[in-house]
């Protein structure tokens, strides 16, 4: 076998394998959101997503953020 043939076969095997592994690492399987029991349909999924977003981005509703003190630089 010639060295060029061996190199070509190695490239044909290694490059696609590397691309498959990279895609598997970069793009993992999606994690399903929890769905309420006894409910079905898209509306439930939308409601679960809305609740998840509100819980994540909502913050503490009892904390007063409107009359807070501004942060000032230390210099």
N, C-alpha and C. Protein backbone atom coordinates (compact mmCIF):
# COMPACT_ATOMS: atom_id res chain seq x y z
N UNK A 1 0.84 -1.18 0.00
CA UNK A 1 0.00 0.00 0.00
C UNK A 1 0.89 1.24 0.00
N UNK A 2 0.44 2.19 -0.73
CA UNK A 2 1.21 3.43 -0.80
C UNK A 2 0.88 4.32 0.40
N UNK A 3 1.80 5.16 0.80
CA UNK A 3 1.54 6.07 1.93
C UNK A 3 0.38 7.02 1.67
N UNK A 4 0.19 7.41 0.42
CA UNK A 4 -0.94 8.30 0.10
C UNK A 4 -2.28 7.61 0.32
N UNK A 5 -2.36 6.34 -0.03
CA UNK A 5 -3.60 5.59 0.17
C UNK A 5 -3.90 5.43 1.66
N UNK A 6 -2.89 5.14 2.43
CA UNK A 6 -3.07 5.01 3.89
C UNK A 6 -3.52 6.34 4.48
N UNK A 7 -2.90 7.42 4.06
CA UNK A 7 -3.27 8.74 4.56
C UNK A 7 -4.70 9.09 4.16
N UNK A 8 -5.08 8.79 2.94
CA UNK A 8 -6.44 9.07 2.47
C UNK A 8 -7.46 8.26 3.27
N UNK A 9 -7.18 6.99 3.50
CA UNK A 9 -8.10 6.16 4.30
C UNK A 9 -8.21 6.68 5.73
N UNK A 10 -7.10 7.10 6.29
CA UNK A 10 -7.13 7.64 7.65
C UNK A 10 -7.97 8.90 7.71
N UNK A 11 -7.84 9.78 6.73
CA UNK A 11 -8.63 11.01 6.69
C UNK A 11 -10.10 10.69 6.52
N UNK A 12 -10.42 9.73 5.65
CA UNK A 12 -11.81 9.35 5.40
C UNK A 12 -12.45 8.75 6.65
N UNK A 13 -11.67 8.11 7.49
CA UNK A 13 -12.21 7.50 8.71
C UNK A 13 -12.21 8.49 9.88
N UNK A 14 -11.15 9.25 10.06
CA UNK A 14 -11.00 10.11 11.24
C UNK A 14 -11.89 11.35 11.17
N UNK A 15 -11.96 12.01 10.03
CA UNK A 15 -12.71 13.26 9.93
C UNK A 15 -14.21 13.05 10.20
N UNK A 16 -14.90 12.12 9.55
CA UNK A 16 -16.31 11.93 9.89
C UNK A 16 -16.53 11.49 11.33
N UNK A 17 -15.64 10.66 11.84
CA UNK A 17 -15.77 10.25 13.24
C UNK A 17 -15.64 11.44 14.17
N UNK A 18 -14.70 12.31 13.89
CA UNK A 18 -14.54 13.51 14.71
C UNK A 18 -15.75 14.43 14.62
N UNK A 19 -16.32 14.55 13.43
CA UNK A 19 -17.52 15.38 13.29
C UNK A 19 -18.70 14.81 14.06
N UNK A 20 -18.86 13.50 14.03
CA UNK A 20 -19.95 12.87 14.78
C UNK A 20 -19.76 13.09 16.27
N UNK A 21 -18.57 12.91 16.77
CA UNK A 21 -18.30 13.11 18.20
C UNK A 21 -18.49 14.57 18.57
N UNK A 22 -18.03 15.49 17.75
CA UNK A 22 -18.19 16.91 18.04
C UNK A 22 -19.66 17.29 18.09
N UNK A 23 -20.44 16.79 17.16
CA UNK A 23 -21.87 17.11 17.17
C UNK A 23 -22.55 16.52 18.39
N UNK A 24 -22.15 15.32 18.78
CA UNK A 24 -22.74 14.68 19.95
C UNK A 24 -22.41 15.47 21.21
N UNK A 25 -21.21 16.03 21.30
CA UNK A 25 -20.80 16.80 22.48
C UNK A 25 -21.46 18.16 22.48
N UNK A 26 -21.49 18.82 21.35
CA UNK A 26 -22.00 20.19 21.28
C UNK A 26 -23.51 20.23 21.38
N UNK A 27 -24.19 19.27 20.80
CA UNK A 27 -25.64 19.30 20.76
C UNK A 27 -26.20 18.09 21.50
N UNK A 28 -26.30 18.17 22.84
CA UNK A 28 -26.84 17.03 23.59
C UNK A 28 -28.35 16.90 23.37
N UNK A 29 -28.90 15.79 23.77
CA UNK A 29 -30.34 15.55 23.62
C UNK A 29 -31.12 16.53 24.49
N UNK A 30 -32.26 17.03 24.01
CA UNK A 30 -33.06 17.97 24.80
C UNK A 30 -33.67 17.30 26.02
N UNK A 31 -33.77 18.06 27.09
CA UNK A 31 -34.36 17.56 28.33
C UNK A 31 -35.83 17.97 28.34
N UNK A 32 -36.75 17.03 28.47
CA UNK A 32 -38.18 17.39 28.44
C UNK A 32 -38.58 18.14 29.72
N UNK A 33 -39.49 19.09 29.55
CA UNK A 33 -40.03 19.81 30.70
C UNK A 33 -41.06 18.94 31.41
N UNK A 34 -41.22 19.13 32.72
CA UNK A 34 -42.23 18.34 33.42
C UNK A 34 -43.64 18.74 32.98
N UNK A 35 -44.50 17.76 32.82
CA UNK A 35 -45.87 18.00 32.38
C UNK A 35 -46.80 17.61 33.52
N UNK A 36 -47.84 18.42 33.74
CA UNK A 36 -48.79 18.15 34.82
C UNK A 36 -49.52 16.84 34.56
N UNK A 37 -49.85 16.13 35.64
CA UNK A 37 -50.53 14.85 35.51
C UNK A 37 -51.97 15.05 35.08
N UNK A 38 -52.46 14.18 34.25
CA UNK A 38 -53.85 14.22 33.82
C UNK A 38 -54.12 15.26 32.74
N UNK A 39 -53.15 16.01 32.36
CA UNK A 39 -53.35 17.02 31.33
C UNK A 39 -52.74 16.54 30.03
N UNK A 40 -53.30 17.00 28.95
CA UNK A 40 -52.76 16.60 27.66
C UNK A 40 -52.89 17.75 26.68
N UNK A 41 -52.20 17.65 25.58
CA UNK A 41 -52.31 18.65 24.54
C UNK A 41 -51.23 19.70 24.62
N UNK A 42 -51.23 20.57 23.63
CA UNK A 42 -50.20 21.61 23.52
C UNK A 42 -50.38 22.69 24.58
N UNK A 43 -51.60 22.97 24.99
CA UNK A 43 -51.83 24.02 25.98
C UNK A 43 -51.12 23.69 27.29
N UNK A 44 -51.10 22.44 27.67
CA UNK A 44 -50.41 22.04 28.89
C UNK A 44 -48.92 22.25 28.74
N UNK A 45 -48.40 21.91 27.60
CA UNK A 45 -46.98 22.11 27.36
C UNK A 45 -46.64 23.60 27.41
N UNK A 46 -47.48 24.43 26.81
CA UNK A 46 -47.26 25.87 26.85
C UNK A 46 -47.37 26.40 28.28
N UNK A 47 -48.33 25.88 29.03
CA UNK A 47 -48.49 26.32 30.41
C UNK A 47 -47.28 25.90 31.25
N UNK A 48 -46.78 24.70 31.02
CA UNK A 48 -45.61 24.25 31.76
C UNK A 48 -44.40 25.08 31.40
N UNK A 49 -44.26 25.41 30.13
CA UNK A 49 -43.14 26.26 29.72
C UNK A 49 -43.26 27.65 30.31
N UNK A 50 -44.46 28.20 30.32
CA UNK A 50 -44.67 29.53 30.89
C UNK A 50 -44.33 29.54 32.37
N UNK A 51 -44.77 28.52 33.11
CA UNK A 51 -44.47 28.44 34.53
C UNK A 51 -42.97 28.29 34.77
N UNK A 52 -42.32 27.48 33.94
CA UNK A 52 -40.88 27.30 34.06
C UNK A 52 -40.15 28.63 33.82
N UNK A 53 -40.57 29.38 32.81
CA UNK A 53 -39.95 30.68 32.55
C UNK A 53 -40.18 31.65 33.71
N UNK A 54 -41.41 31.69 34.24
CA UNK A 54 -41.70 32.59 35.35
C UNK A 54 -40.89 32.23 36.59
N UNK A 55 -40.76 30.94 36.85
CA UNK A 55 -39.96 30.51 38.00
C UNK A 55 -38.49 30.88 37.82
N UNK A 56 -37.99 30.75 36.60
CA UNK A 56 -36.57 31.00 36.35
C UNK A 56 -36.27 32.49 36.31
N UNK A 57 -37.05 33.27 35.59
CA UNK A 57 -36.76 34.69 35.41
C UNK A 57 -37.51 35.59 36.38
N UNK A 58 -38.49 35.05 37.11
CA UNK A 58 -39.34 35.89 37.94
C UNK A 58 -38.63 36.55 39.11
N UNK A 59 -37.68 35.89 39.72
CA UNK A 59 -37.01 36.44 40.88
C UNK A 59 -37.89 36.38 42.11
N UNK A 60 -37.49 37.12 43.13
CA UNK A 60 -38.23 37.15 44.38
C UNK A 60 -39.25 38.29 44.31
N UNK A 61 -40.57 38.00 44.31
CA UNK A 61 -41.56 39.07 44.19
C UNK A 61 -41.63 39.95 45.44
N UNK A 62 -41.13 39.49 46.57
CA UNK A 62 -41.19 40.28 47.80
C UNK A 62 -40.03 41.27 47.91
N UNK A 63 -39.04 41.15 47.07
CA UNK A 63 -37.87 42.04 47.13
C UNK A 63 -38.20 43.34 46.40
N UNK A 64 -37.94 44.47 47.07
CA UNK A 64 -38.18 45.78 46.47
C UNK A 64 -36.98 46.16 45.61
N UNK A 65 -37.19 46.17 44.30
CA UNK A 65 -36.08 46.51 43.41
C UNK A 65 -36.21 47.90 42.83
N UNK A 66 -37.30 48.58 43.09
CA UNK A 66 -37.51 49.90 42.49
C UNK A 66 -36.83 51.01 43.27
N UNK A 67 -36.75 50.89 44.56
CA UNK A 67 -36.14 51.97 45.36
C UNK A 67 -34.78 51.54 45.88
N UNK A 68 -34.07 50.78 45.09
CA UNK A 68 -32.75 50.30 45.50
C UNK A 68 -31.68 51.36 45.29
N UNK A 69 -30.55 51.14 45.90
CA UNK A 69 -29.43 52.07 45.78
C UNK A 69 -28.62 51.72 44.55
N UNK A 70 -28.18 52.74 43.82
CA UNK A 70 -27.35 52.50 42.64
C UNK A 70 -25.97 52.10 43.06
N UNK A 71 -25.36 51.22 42.30
CA UNK A 71 -23.97 50.87 42.58
C UNK A 71 -23.08 51.93 41.99
N UNK A 72 -22.08 52.33 42.75
CA UNK A 72 -21.17 53.36 42.29
C UNK A 72 -19.78 52.76 42.16
N UNK A 73 -18.98 53.26 41.22
CA UNK A 73 -17.62 52.73 41.10
C UNK A 73 -16.78 53.06 42.33
N UNK A 74 -15.81 52.23 42.62
CA UNK A 74 -14.98 52.41 43.81
C UNK A 74 -13.84 53.37 43.61
N UNK A 75 -13.58 53.84 42.40
CA UNK A 75 -12.43 54.72 42.23
C UNK A 75 -12.75 56.15 42.47
